[in-house]
Amino acid sequence: MNINLKAVIEQEFDSLFTRTTGYMELDKRIASTFKNRKELLTVLESPAVPLHNNGSEIAVREGVLKRKISYGTRSDLGKAAWENMLSIRDTCRKLKVGFFEYVRDIYSNDFCMPRLADLLAKAE
C-alpha cells in the first residue's frame, strides 16, 4: 500500500476516533473503537486480511440451525463429532472436494483422495 495513503488513513482514523461529542454514551463508543485501532487498521499492513467475518459467521450458522432443530446432542462426544463433521464439510466445500466422497474414502480405508490438510497446505 502506498505509504502516503496509509498515513492519510491513519490520520483520518485518529481524527475521527479521538473526538469528544459531549454525549457520554457516544464518547464511550468512540473511545472503545479507538482502543481497537491496531486491529481495525491491520488491513493497512496486510491487505489479504478480510474486512469482515462473514466467512466465520456462515461457518457456524449450520451448527446453530442443527442445534435449534434437534435441541442439541445427547453427549459431549456427540457434540464434538457433529462439530468435526461440520468442520470437515465446510473445509471440503471451500476446497471444492466432494464431502461424501471424502468421508467414504476415509471410512472405506481406500485413502485414494488427498487429505484436506495437504490441500490446505498447497492452497496457502
N, C-alpha and C. Protein backbone atom coordinates (compact mmCIF):
# COMPACT_ATOMS: atom_id res chain seq x y z
N MET A 1 0.84 -1.18 0.00
CA MET A 1 0.00 0.00 0.00
C MET A 1 0.89 1.24 0.00
N ASN A 2 0.44 2.23 -0.70
CA ASN A 2 1.14 3.49 -0.76
C ASN A 2 1.32 4.06 0.65
N ILE A 3 2.55 4.40 1.00
CA ILE A 3 2.86 4.89 2.35
C ILE A 3 2.08 6.17 2.66
N ASN A 4 1.94 7.05 1.67
CA ASN A 4 1.20 8.30 1.89
C ASN A 4 -0.27 8.01 2.16
N LEU A 5 -0.86 7.09 1.40
CA LEU A 5 -2.26 6.75 1.60
C LEU A 5 -2.47 6.11 2.97
N LYS A 6 -1.53 5.26 3.37
CA LYS A 6 -1.61 4.63 4.68
C LYS A 6 -1.59 5.69 5.78
N ALA A 7 -0.69 6.65 5.67
CA ALA A 7 -0.58 7.73 6.66
C ALA A 7 -1.86 8.56 6.70
N VAL A 8 -2.43 8.83 5.54
CA VAL A 8 -3.68 9.61 5.48
C VAL A 8 -4.80 8.86 6.18
N ILE A 9 -4.92 7.58 5.91
CA ILE A 9 -5.97 6.77 6.53
C ILE A 9 -5.79 6.74 8.05
N GLU A 10 -4.55 6.54 8.50
CA GLU A 10 -4.28 6.53 9.94
C GLU A 10 -4.63 7.88 10.57
N GLN A 11 -4.28 8.97 9.90
CA GLN A 11 -4.60 10.31 10.42
C GLN A 11 -6.10 10.52 10.51
N GLU A 12 -6.80 10.12 9.46
CA GLU A 12 -8.26 10.26 9.46
C GLU A 12 -8.89 9.43 10.57
N PHE A 13 -8.40 8.23 10.77
CA PHE A 13 -8.91 7.37 11.84
C PHE A 13 -8.69 8.05 13.19
N ASP A 14 -7.47 8.52 13.41
CA ASP A 14 -7.15 9.17 14.68
C ASP A 14 -8.01 10.42 14.90
N SER A 15 -8.19 11.20 13.86
CA SER A 15 -9.00 12.41 13.96
C SER A 15 -10.45 12.07 14.31
N LEU A 16 -10.98 11.06 13.67
CA LEU A 16 -12.37 10.68 13.89
C LEU A 16 -12.59 10.07 15.28
N PHE A 17 -11.66 9.22 15.72
CA PHE A 17 -11.89 8.46 16.95
C PHE A 17 -11.17 9.00 18.18
N THR A 18 -10.73 10.26 18.12
CA THR A 18 -10.21 10.91 19.33
C THR A 18 -11.07 12.12 19.68
N ARG A 19 -12.17 12.29 18.97
CA ARG A 19 -13.09 13.40 19.23
C ARG A 19 -13.92 13.13 20.48
N THR A 20 -14.41 14.19 21.05
CA THR A 20 -15.42 14.08 22.09
C THR A 20 -16.63 14.88 21.64
N THR A 21 -17.78 14.34 21.92
CA THR A 21 -19.03 14.96 21.45
C THR A 21 -19.81 15.63 22.57
N GLY A 22 -19.53 15.23 23.80
CA GLY A 22 -20.33 15.72 24.92
C GLY A 22 -21.45 14.77 25.28
N TYR A 23 -21.67 13.76 24.45
CA TYR A 23 -22.66 12.73 24.76
C TYR A 23 -21.90 11.53 25.32
N MET A 24 -22.16 11.22 26.60
CA MET A 24 -21.36 10.22 27.31
C MET A 24 -21.34 8.87 26.59
N GLU A 25 -22.48 8.35 26.19
CA GLU A 25 -22.52 7.02 25.56
C GLU A 25 -21.79 7.02 24.22
N LEU A 26 -21.97 8.06 23.43
CA LEU A 26 -21.27 8.15 22.15
C LEU A 26 -19.77 8.28 22.36
N ASP A 27 -19.36 9.08 23.32
CA ASP A 27 -17.94 9.23 23.61
C ASP A 27 -17.32 7.92 24.08
N LYS A 28 -18.07 7.13 24.84
CA LYS A 28 -17.58 5.81 25.28
C LYS A 28 -17.38 4.90 24.07
N ARG A 29 -18.33 4.93 23.15
CA ARG A 29 -18.25 4.08 21.95
C ARG A 29 -17.08 4.50 21.07
N ILE A 30 -16.89 5.80 20.92
CA ILE A 30 -15.77 6.31 20.11
C ILE A 30 -14.44 5.89 20.75
N ALA A 31 -14.33 6.03 22.06
CA ALA A 31 -13.10 5.64 22.77
C ALA A 31 -12.87 4.14 22.67
N SER A 32 -13.94 3.37 22.75
CA SER A 32 -13.83 1.92 22.64
C SER A 32 -13.32 1.52 21.26
N THR A 33 -13.81 2.18 20.23
CA THR A 33 -13.35 1.90 18.88
C THR A 33 -11.88 2.27 18.73
N PHE A 34 -11.48 3.39 19.30
CA PHE A 34 -10.09 3.82 19.20
C PHE A 34 -9.14 2.82 19.89
N LYS A 35 -9.60 2.20 20.96
CA LYS A 35 -8.77 1.20 21.66
C LYS A 35 -8.44 0.02 20.75
N ASN A 36 -9.31 -0.24 19.77
CA ASN A 36 -9.11 -1.35 18.83
C ASN A 36 -8.41 -0.89 17.55
N ARG A 37 -7.75 0.24 17.60
CA ARG A 37 -7.12 0.84 16.43
C ARG A 37 -6.21 -0.14 15.69
N LYS A 38 -5.34 -0.80 16.43
CA LYS A 38 -4.37 -1.70 15.79
C LYS A 38 -5.08 -2.80 14.99
N GLU A 39 -6.07 -3.42 15.60
CA GLU A 39 -6.80 -4.49 14.91
C GLU A 39 -7.59 -3.96 13.73
N LEU A 40 -8.21 -2.80 13.91
CA LEU A 40 -9.04 -2.24 12.85
C LEU A 40 -8.22 -1.77 11.65
N LEU A 41 -6.98 -1.41 11.88
CA LEU A 41 -6.13 -0.94 10.78
C LEU A 41 -5.14 -2.01 10.31
N THR A 42 -5.33 -3.25 10.73
CA THR A 42 -4.46 -4.35 10.32
C THR A 42 -4.39 -4.48 8.81
N VAL A 43 -5.50 -4.21 8.16
CA VAL A 43 -5.56 -4.35 6.70
C VAL A 43 -4.57 -3.43 6.00
N LEU A 44 -4.16 -2.35 6.65
CA LEU A 44 -3.17 -1.47 6.03
C LEU A 44 -1.81 -2.14 5.91
N GLU A 45 -1.50 -3.02 6.85
CA GLU A 45 -0.23 -3.76 6.83
C GLU A 45 -0.36 -5.06 6.04
N SER A 46 -1.52 -5.69 6.14
CA SER A 46 -1.76 -6.99 5.50
C SER A 46 -3.04 -6.94 4.69
N PRO A 47 -2.97 -6.51 3.44
CA PRO A 47 -4.18 -6.35 2.63
C PRO A 47 -4.97 -7.64 2.41
N ALA A 48 -4.35 -8.80 2.64
CA ALA A 48 -5.07 -10.07 2.45
C ALA A 48 -6.06 -10.35 3.57
N VAL A 49 -5.96 -9.62 4.68
CA VAL A 49 -6.87 -9.82 5.80
C VAL A 49 -8.26 -9.37 5.38
N PRO A 50 -9.28 -10.24 5.55
CA PRO A 50 -10.63 -9.83 5.17
C PRO A 50 -11.14 -8.68 6.05
N LEU A 51 -11.96 -7.84 5.48
CA LEU A 51 -12.50 -6.69 6.21
C LEU A 51 -13.75 -7.05 7.01
N HIS A 52 -14.17 -8.29 6.94
CA HIS A 52 -15.39 -8.73 7.63
C HIS A 52 -15.19 -10.14 8.14
N ASN A 53 -16.14 -10.63 8.91
CA ASN A 53 -16.06 -12.00 9.41
C ASN A 53 -17.20 -12.86 8.87
N ASN A 54 -17.70 -12.52 7.69
CA ASN A 54 -18.82 -13.27 7.12
C ASN A 54 -18.50 -14.75 6.97
N GLY A 55 -17.27 -15.08 6.60
CA GLY A 55 -16.91 -16.49 6.45
C GLY A 55 -17.07 -17.25 7.75
N SER A 56 -16.67 -16.66 8.84
CA SER A 56 -16.82 -17.29 10.15
C SER A 56 -18.28 -17.41 10.53
N GLU A 57 -19.04 -16.36 10.28
CA GLU A 57 -20.46 -16.38 10.61
C GLU A 57 -21.19 -17.47 9.84
N ILE A 58 -20.89 -17.58 8.56
CA ILE A 58 -21.53 -18.60 7.73
C ILE A 58 -21.14 -20.00 8.20
N ALA A 59 -19.88 -20.16 8.59
CA ALA A 59 -19.39 -21.48 9.01
C ALA A 59 -20.11 -22.00 10.24
N VAL A 60 -20.49 -21.12 11.17
CA VAL A 60 -21.14 -21.60 12.39
C VAL A 60 -22.66 -21.65 12.26
N ARG A 61 -23.21 -21.03 11.23
CA ARG A 61 -24.67 -20.97 11.09
C ARG A 61 -25.32 -22.35 11.03
N GLU A 62 -24.73 -23.28 10.29
CA GLU A 62 -25.32 -24.61 10.16
C GLU A 62 -25.39 -25.33 11.50
N GLY A 63 -24.33 -25.19 12.29
CA GLY A 63 -24.33 -25.81 13.61
C GLY A 63 -25.40 -25.24 14.51
N VAL A 64 -25.62 -23.95 14.43
CA VAL A 64 -26.65 -23.29 15.24
C VAL A 64 -28.03 -23.78 14.80
N LEU A 65 -28.26 -23.85 13.50
CA LEU A 65 -29.55 -24.35 13.00
C LEU A 65 -29.81 -25.78 13.43
N LYS A 66 -28.80 -26.63 13.32
CA LYS A 66 -28.94 -28.03 13.72
C LYS A 66 -29.27 -28.13 15.20
N ARG A 67 -28.59 -27.33 16.01
CA ARG A 67 -28.82 -27.36 17.45
C ARG A 67 -30.23 -26.91 17.79
N LYS A 68 -30.74 -25.89 17.08
CA LYS A 68 -32.10 -25.42 17.33
C LYS A 68 -33.13 -26.47 16.95
N ILE A 69 -32.91 -27.12 15.82
CA ILE A 69 -33.88 -28.11 15.33
C ILE A 69 -33.90 -29.34 16.22
N SER A 70 -32.74 -29.84 16.61
CA SER A 70 -32.66 -31.11 17.34
C SER A 70 -32.50 -30.93 18.84
N TYR A 71 -32.49 -29.70 19.31
CA TYR A 71 -32.28 -29.41 20.74
C TYR A 71 -30.94 -29.93 21.23
N GLY A 72 -29.93 -29.88 20.38
CA GLY A 72 -28.58 -30.24 20.78
C GLY A 72 -28.31 -31.73 20.68
N THR A 73 -27.17 -32.12 21.20
CA THR A 73 -26.79 -33.54 21.19
C THR A 73 -26.99 -34.12 22.58
N ARG A 74 -26.85 -35.43 22.68
CA ARG A 74 -27.07 -36.09 23.97
C ARG A 74 -25.82 -36.16 24.82
N SER A 75 -24.67 -35.94 24.22
CA SER A 75 -23.43 -36.04 24.99
C SER A 75 -22.39 -35.08 24.43
N ASP A 76 -21.34 -34.89 25.21
CA ASP A 76 -20.24 -34.05 24.74
C ASP A 76 -19.52 -34.70 23.56
N LEU A 77 -19.44 -36.03 23.57
CA LEU A 77 -18.81 -36.73 22.43
C LEU A 77 -19.64 -36.55 21.16
N GLY A 78 -20.96 -36.59 21.31
CA GLY A 78 -21.84 -36.37 20.16
C GLY A 78 -21.69 -34.96 19.62
N LYS A 79 -21.58 -34.01 20.52
CA LYS A 79 -21.38 -32.62 20.11
C LYS A 79 -20.07 -32.47 19.37
N ALA A 80 -19.00 -33.07 19.90
CA ALA A 80 -17.69 -32.99 19.25
C ALA A 80 -17.72 -33.64 17.87
N ALA A 81 -18.39 -34.80 17.77
CA ALA A 81 -18.48 -35.50 16.49
C ALA A 81 -19.22 -34.64 15.46
N TRP A 82 -20.33 -34.05 15.88
CA TRP A 82 -21.11 -33.21 14.96
C TRP A 82 -20.29 -32.00 14.52
N GLU A 83 -19.60 -31.35 15.45
CA GLU A 83 -18.80 -30.18 15.10
C GLU A 83 -17.65 -30.55 14.16
N ASN A 84 -17.04 -31.72 14.39
CA ASN A 84 -15.96 -32.17 13.49
C ASN A 84 -16.48 -32.40 12.08
N MET A 85 -17.63 -33.04 11.97
CA MET A 85 -18.18 -33.31 10.64
C MET A 85 -18.56 -32.00 9.93
N LEU A 86 -19.13 -31.05 10.67
CA LEU A 86 -19.45 -29.76 10.05
C LEU A 86 -18.19 -29.04 9.59
N SER A 87 -17.14 -29.14 10.38
CA SER A 87 -15.88 -28.51 10.01
C SER A 87 -15.29 -29.16 8.76
N ILE A 88 -15.32 -30.48 8.71
CA ILE A 88 -14.83 -31.20 7.53
C ILE A 88 -15.65 -30.83 6.31
N ARG A 89 -16.98 -30.78 6.48
CA ARG A 89 -17.84 -30.44 5.35
C ARG A 89 -17.57 -29.03 4.85
N ASP A 90 -17.39 -28.09 5.77
CA ASP A 90 -17.12 -26.71 5.38
C ASP A 90 -15.78 -26.61 4.66
N THR A 91 -14.78 -27.32 5.15
CA THR A 91 -13.47 -27.31 4.51
C THR A 91 -13.54 -27.93 3.12
N CYS A 92 -14.28 -29.04 3.00
CA CYS A 92 -14.48 -29.66 1.68
C CYS A 92 -15.13 -28.68 0.72
N ARG A 93 -16.13 -27.97 1.18
CA ARG A 93 -16.83 -27.01 0.33
C ARG A 93 -15.87 -25.92 -0.15
N LYS A 94 -15.06 -25.41 0.77
CA LYS A 94 -14.13 -24.34 0.41
C LYS A 94 -13.06 -24.81 -0.57
N LEU A 95 -12.66 -26.08 -0.45
CA LEU A 95 -11.61 -26.63 -1.32
C LEU A 95 -12.19 -27.31 -2.56
N LYS A 96 -13.52 -27.27 -2.69
CA LYS A 96 -14.21 -27.89 -3.83
C LYS A 96 -13.93 -29.40 -3.90
N VAL A 97 -14.01 -30.05 -2.74
CA VAL A 97 -13.85 -31.50 -2.63
C VAL A 97 -15.21 -32.06 -2.24
N GLY A 98 -15.63 -33.15 -2.87
CA GLY A 98 -16.91 -33.77 -2.53
C GLY A 98 -16.89 -34.31 -1.10
N PHE A 99 -17.78 -33.80 -0.26
CA PHE A 99 -17.81 -34.20 1.15
C PHE A 99 -18.08 -35.69 1.31
N PHE A 100 -19.14 -36.19 0.68
CA PHE A 100 -19.50 -37.60 0.86
C PHE A 100 -18.43 -38.53 0.29
N GLU A 101 -17.84 -38.14 -0.84
CA GLU A 101 -16.75 -38.94 -1.40
C GLU A 101 -15.55 -38.95 -0.44
N TYR A 102 -15.28 -37.80 0.16
CA TYR A 102 -14.15 -37.69 1.08
C TYR A 102 -14.37 -38.56 2.31
N VAL A 103 -15.55 -38.48 2.89
CA VAL A 103 -15.86 -39.29 4.08
C VAL A 103 -15.86 -40.78 3.72
N ARG A 104 -16.43 -41.13 2.57
CA ARG A 104 -16.44 -42.53 2.13
C ARG A 104 -15.00 -43.04 1.95
N ASP A 105 -14.13 -42.20 1.40
CA ASP A 105 -12.73 -42.57 1.20
C ASP A 105 -12.06 -42.88 2.53
N ILE A 106 -12.36 -42.09 3.56
CA ILE A 106 -11.76 -42.31 4.88
C ILE A 106 -12.31 -43.58 5.52
N TYR A 107 -13.64 -43.70 5.56
CA TYR A 107 -14.24 -44.85 6.26
C TYR A 107 -14.03 -46.18 5.54
N SER A 108 -13.80 -46.13 4.23
CA SER A 108 -13.56 -47.37 3.48
C SER A 108 -12.09 -47.79 3.54
N ASN A 109 -11.25 -46.92 4.12
CA ASN A 109 -9.80 -47.16 4.19
C ASN A 109 -9.15 -47.22 2.81
N ASP A 110 -9.79 -46.62 1.81
CA ASP A 110 -9.19 -46.56 0.47
C ASP A 110 -8.07 -45.53 0.43
N PHE A 111 -8.29 -44.40 1.04
CA PHE A 111 -7.32 -43.30 1.09
C PHE A 111 -6.77 -42.95 -0.30
N CYS A 112 -7.68 -42.89 -1.28
CA CYS A 112 -7.29 -42.50 -2.64
C CYS A 112 -7.26 -40.98 -2.80
N MET A 113 -8.06 -40.31 -2.00
CA MET A 113 -8.16 -38.85 -2.12
C MET A 113 -7.08 -38.19 -1.26
N PRO A 114 -6.59 -37.04 -1.68
CA PRO A 114 -5.62 -36.32 -0.84
C PRO A 114 -6.30 -35.83 0.45
N ARG A 115 -5.54 -35.79 1.53
CA ARG A 115 -6.07 -35.31 2.81
C ARG A 115 -6.31 -33.81 2.72
N LEU A 116 -7.31 -33.35 3.46
CA LEU A 116 -7.65 -31.92 3.46
C LEU A 116 -6.48 -31.07 3.94
N ALA A 117 -5.73 -31.58 4.91
CA ALA A 117 -4.57 -30.82 5.43
C ALA A 117 -3.55 -30.60 4.32
N ASP A 118 -3.34 -31.59 3.47
CA ASP A 118 -2.39 -31.43 2.37
C ASP A 118 -2.90 -30.40 1.35
N LEU A 119 -4.21 -30.44 1.08
CA LEU A 119 -4.79 -29.49 0.14
C LEU A 119 -4.74 -28.07 0.70
N LEU A 120 -4.95 -27.94 2.01
CA LEU A 120 -4.86 -26.62 2.64
C LEU A 120 -3.44 -26.08 2.57
N ALA A 121 -2.45 -26.95 2.79
CA ALA A 121 -1.06 -26.53 2.75
C ALA A 121 -0.69 -26.03 1.35
N LYS A 122 -1.21 -26.70 0.32
CA LYS A 122 -0.94 -26.27 -1.06
C LYS A 122 -1.64 -24.95 -1.38
N ALA A 123 -2.84 -24.75 -0.79
CA ALA A 123 -3.61 -23.54 -1.06
C ALA A 123 -2.97 -22.31 -0.45
N GLU A 124 -2.20 -22.48 0.61
CA GLU A 124 -1.57 -21.33 1.28
C GLU A 124 -0.34 -20.99 0.55
